[in-house]
Amino acid sequence: MAARTRRERDRDEIRDRDEEEYEKVSPAEAGREGLRQVIELIGKEPLGITSVEPTDDGWLVGVEVVEDHRIPTSTDLLGLYEVELDLAGGLFAYRRTRRYQRGKGDGG
């Protein structure tokens, strides 16, 4: 049997806690918390929350930020981040999943 990672152990520990030990956050609260965490961690200007999805262990939040301001603004460099939160809104992990030029996000 393979050894479990620390992340897996942490998730199992949170899942095993009694629900009375923490208050579950709503989807809106999870979105706001994901946005706050990204801003705090990377210090970039947020554009907004792009997605909020429930997971078995909490929430997966998508956040779009301005990575680099350019002139004209239509050529700004944007980043899309995924933030993993536990059921109470605590940060598990975050990662940048995409980097792209404004206006060329979906097709270019």
C-alpha atoms as a PDB file:
ATOM      1  CA  MET A   1       0.000   0.000   0.000  1.00  0.00           C
ATOM      2  CA  ALA A   2       1.449   3.359  -1.034  1.00  0.00           C
ATOM      3  CA  ALA A   3       2.190   5.961   1.607  1.00  0.00           C
ATOM      4  CA  ARG A   4      -0.341   8.772   1.805  1.00  0.00           C
ATOM      5  CA  THR A   5       0.792  12.305   1.154  1.00  0.00           C
ATOM      6  CA  ARG A   6       0.536  14.988   3.796  1.00  0.00           C
ATOM      7  CA  ARG A   7      -2.211  16.626   1.760  1.00  0.00           C
ATOM      8  CA  GLU A   8      -4.254  13.409   1.765  1.00  0.00           C
ATOM      9  CA  ARG A   9      -3.758  13.013   5.517  1.00  0.00           C
ATOM     10  CA  ASP A  10      -4.805  16.649   6.110  1.00  0.00           C
ATOM     11  CA  ARG A  11      -7.951  16.211   4.017  1.00  0.00           C
ATOM     12  CA  ASP A  12      -8.860  12.996   5.830  1.00  0.00           C
ATOM     13  CA  GLU A  13      -8.351  14.706   9.180  1.00  0.00           C
ATOM     14  CA  ILE A  14     -10.687  17.559   8.248  1.00  0.00           C
ATOM     15  CA  ARG A  15     -13.271  15.157   6.836  1.00  0.00           C
ATOM     16  CA  ASP A  16     -13.206  13.148  10.069  1.00  0.00           C
ATOM     17  CA  ARG A  17     -13.836  16.142  12.340  1.00  0.00           C
ATOM     18  CA  ASP A  18     -17.287  16.552  13.813  1.00  0.00           C
ATOM     19  CA  GLU A  19     -19.281  19.092  11.850  1.00  0.00           C
ATOM     20  CA  GLU A  20     -19.773  21.074  15.058  1.00  0.00           C
ATOM     21  CA  GLU A  21     -16.062  21.960  15.134  1.00  0.00           C
ATOM     22  CA  TYR A  22     -16.354  24.273  12.141  1.00  0.00           C
ATOM     23  CA  GLU A  23     -18.976  26.130  10.193  1.00  0.00           C
ATOM     24  CA  LYS A  24     -19.281  25.259   6.509  1.00  0.00           C
ATOM     25  CA  VAL A  25     -19.027  28.222   4.169  1.00  0.00           C
ATOM     26  CA  SER A  26     -21.572  28.998   1.466  1.00  0.00           C
ATOM     27  CA  PRO A  27     -20.602  29.085  -2.228  1.00  0.00           C
ATOM     28  CA  ALA A  28     -20.518  32.896  -2.139  1.00  0.00           C
ATOM     29  CA  GLU A  29     -18.294  32.885   0.960  1.00  0.00           C
ATOM     30  CA  ALA A  30     -16.005  30.300  -0.651  1.00  0.00           C
ATOM     31  CA  GLY A  31     -15.673  32.503  -3.737  1.00  0.00           C
ATOM     32  CA  ARG A  32     -14.821  35.582  -1.683  1.00  0.00           C
ATOM     33  CA  GLU A  33     -12.328  33.625   0.424  1.00  0.00           C
ATOM     34  CA  GLY A  34     -10.649  32.160  -2.672  1.00  0.00           C
ATOM     35  CA  LEU A  35     -10.317  35.648  -4.144  1.00  0.00           C
ATOM     36  CA  ARG A  36      -8.913  37.013  -0.873  1.00  0.00           C
ATOM     37  CA  GLN A  37      -6.368  34.208  -0.626  1.00  0.00           C
ATOM     38  CA  VAL A  38      -5.062  34.759  -4.172  1.00  0.00           C
ATOM     39  CA  ILE A  39      -4.734  38.511  -3.633  1.00  0.00           C
ATOM     40  CA  GLU A  40      -2.886  37.942  -0.363  1.00  0.00           C
ATOM     41  CA  LEU A  41      -0.559  35.312  -1.840  1.00  0.00           C
ATOM     42  CA  ILE A  42       0.400  36.880  -5.164  1.00  0.00           C
ATOM     43  CA  GLY A  43      -0.386  40.574  -4.682  1.00  0.00           C
ATOM     44  CA  LYS A  44      -1.894  41.068  -8.146  1.00  0.00           C
ATOM     45  CA  GLU A  45      -4.996  43.043  -9.133  1.00  0.00           C
ATOM     46  CA  PRO A  46      -8.052  40.768  -9.179  1.00  0.00           C
ATOM     47  CA  LEU A  47     -10.557  40.882 -12.016  1.00  0.00           C
ATOM     48  CA  GLY A  48     -12.996  38.542 -10.336  1.00  0.00           C
ATOM     49  CA  ILE A  49     -14.160  35.089  -9.476  1.00  0.00           C
ATOM     50  CA  THR A  50     -14.622  32.908 -12.542  1.00  0.00           C
ATOM     51  CA  SER A  51     -15.988  29.756 -10.909  1.00  0.00           C
ATOM     52  CA  VAL A  52     -16.979  28.140  -7.608  1.00  0.00           C
ATOM     53  CA  GLU A  53     -17.388  24.358  -7.507  1.00  0.00           C
ATOM     54  CA  PRO A  54     -18.102  22.082  -4.567  1.00  0.00           C
ATOM     55  CA  THR A  55     -15.724  19.154  -4.096  1.00  0.00           C
ATOM     56  CA  ASP A  56     -15.780  16.195  -1.720  1.00  0.00           C
ATOM     57  CA  ASP A  57     -13.408  18.071   0.580  1.00  0.00           C
ATOM     58  CA  GLY A  58     -14.550  21.678   0.173  1.00  0.00           C
ATOM     59  CA  TRP A  59     -14.452  24.122  -2.713  1.00  0.00           C
ATOM     60  CA  LEU A  60     -12.555  24.781  -5.933  1.00  0.00           C
ATOM     61  CA  VAL A  61     -12.547  28.494  -6.794  1.00  0.00           C
ATOM     62  CA  GLY A  62     -11.335  30.070 -10.049  1.00  0.00           C
ATOM     63  CA  VAL A  63      -9.912  33.602  -9.830  1.00  0.00           C
ATOM     64  CA  GLU A  64      -8.748  35.820 -12.701  1.00  0.00           C
ATOM     65  CA  VAL A  65      -6.070  38.458 -12.071  1.00  0.00           C
ATOM     66  CA  VAL A  66      -4.068  41.030 -14.035  1.00  0.00           C
ATOM     67  CA  GLU A  67      -0.522  39.653 -14.103  1.00  0.00           C
ATOM     68  CA  ASP A  68       0.981  42.527 -16.108  1.00  0.00           C
ATOM     69  CA  HIS A  69      -0.540  45.862 -17.143  1.00  0.00           C
ATOM     70  CA  ARG A  70       0.261  46.867 -20.722  1.00  0.00           C
ATOM     71  CA  ILE A  71      -0.629  49.651 -23.122  1.00  0.00           C
ATOM     72  CA  PRO A  72      -3.163  49.348 -24.613  1.00  0.00           C
ATOM     73  CA  THR A  73      -5.055  47.562 -21.838  1.00  0.00           C
ATOM     74  CA  SER A  74      -6.409  45.093 -24.395  1.00  0.00           C
ATOM     75  CA  THR A  75      -2.926  43.535 -24.333  1.00  0.00           C
ATOM     76  CA  ASP A  76      -2.760  43.129 -20.511  1.00  0.00           C
ATOM     77  CA  LEU A  77      -1.442  39.744 -19.403  1.00  0.00           C
ATOM     78  CA  LEU A  78      -4.021  37.862 -17.305  1.00  0.00           C
ATOM     79  CA  GLY A  79      -3.727  34.800 -15.114  1.00  0.00           C
ATOM     80  CA  LEU A  80      -6.313  32.238 -14.062  1.00  0.00           C
ATOM     81  CA  TYR A  81      -5.790  30.656 -10.649  1.00  0.00           C
ATOM     82  CA  GLU A  82      -7.465  27.693  -8.989  1.00  0.00           C
ATOM     83  CA  VAL A  83      -7.831  27.807  -5.233  1.00  0.00           C
ATOM     84  CA  GLU A  84      -8.666  24.695  -3.206  1.00  0.00           C
ATOM     85  CA  LEU A  85     -10.466  25.393   0.068  1.00  0.00           C
ATOM     86  CA  ASP A  86     -11.654  23.047   2.798  1.00  0.00           C
ATOM     87  CA  LEU A  87     -15.296  22.966   3.926  1.00  0.00           C
ATOM     88  CA  ALA A  88     -14.656  25.797   6.391  1.00  0.00           C
ATOM     89  CA  GLY A  89     -12.942  28.000   3.782  1.00  0.00           C
ATOM     90  CA  GLY A  90      -9.345  27.272   4.813  1.00  0.00           C
ATOM     91  CA  LEU A  91      -6.702  27.203   2.100  1.00  0.00           C
ATOM     92  CA  PHE A  92      -5.477  23.788   0.906  1.00  0.00           C
ATOM     93  CA  ALA A  93      -3.633  24.840  -2.244  1.00  0.00           C
ATOM     94  CA  TYR A  94      -3.553  27.265  -5.117  1.00  0.00           C
ATOM     95  CA  ARG A  95      -2.019  27.205  -8.578  1.00  0.00           C
ATOM     96  CA  ARG A  96      -1.965  29.265 -11.741  1.00  0.00           C
ATOM     97  CA  THR A  97      -3.616  27.207 -14.454  1.00  0.00           C
ATOM     98  CA  ARG A  98      -3.415  29.649 -17.365  1.00  0.00           C
ATOM     99  CA  ARG A  99      -1.694  32.815 -18.465  1.00  0.00           C
ATOM    100  CA  TYR A 100      -3.012  34.696 -21.492  1.00  0.00           C
ATOM    101  CA  GLN A 101      -3.438  38.068 -23.148  1.00  0.00           C
ATOM    102  CA  ARG A 102      -6.686  39.940 -22.470  1.00  0.00           C
ATOM    103  CA  GLY A 103      -9.055  39.482 -25.384  1.00  0.00           C
ATOM    104  CA  LYS A 104      -7.378  36.238 -26.419  1.00  0.00           C
ATOM    105  CA  GLY A 105      -8.423  34.152 -23.423  1.00  0.00           C
ATOM    106  CA  ASP A 106     -10.665  31.549 -24.994  1.00  0.00           C
ATOM    107  CA  GLY A 107      -9.571  31.245 -28.581  1.00  0.00           C
ATOM    108  CA  GLY A 108      -6.043  32.486 -28.830  1.00  0.00           C
END
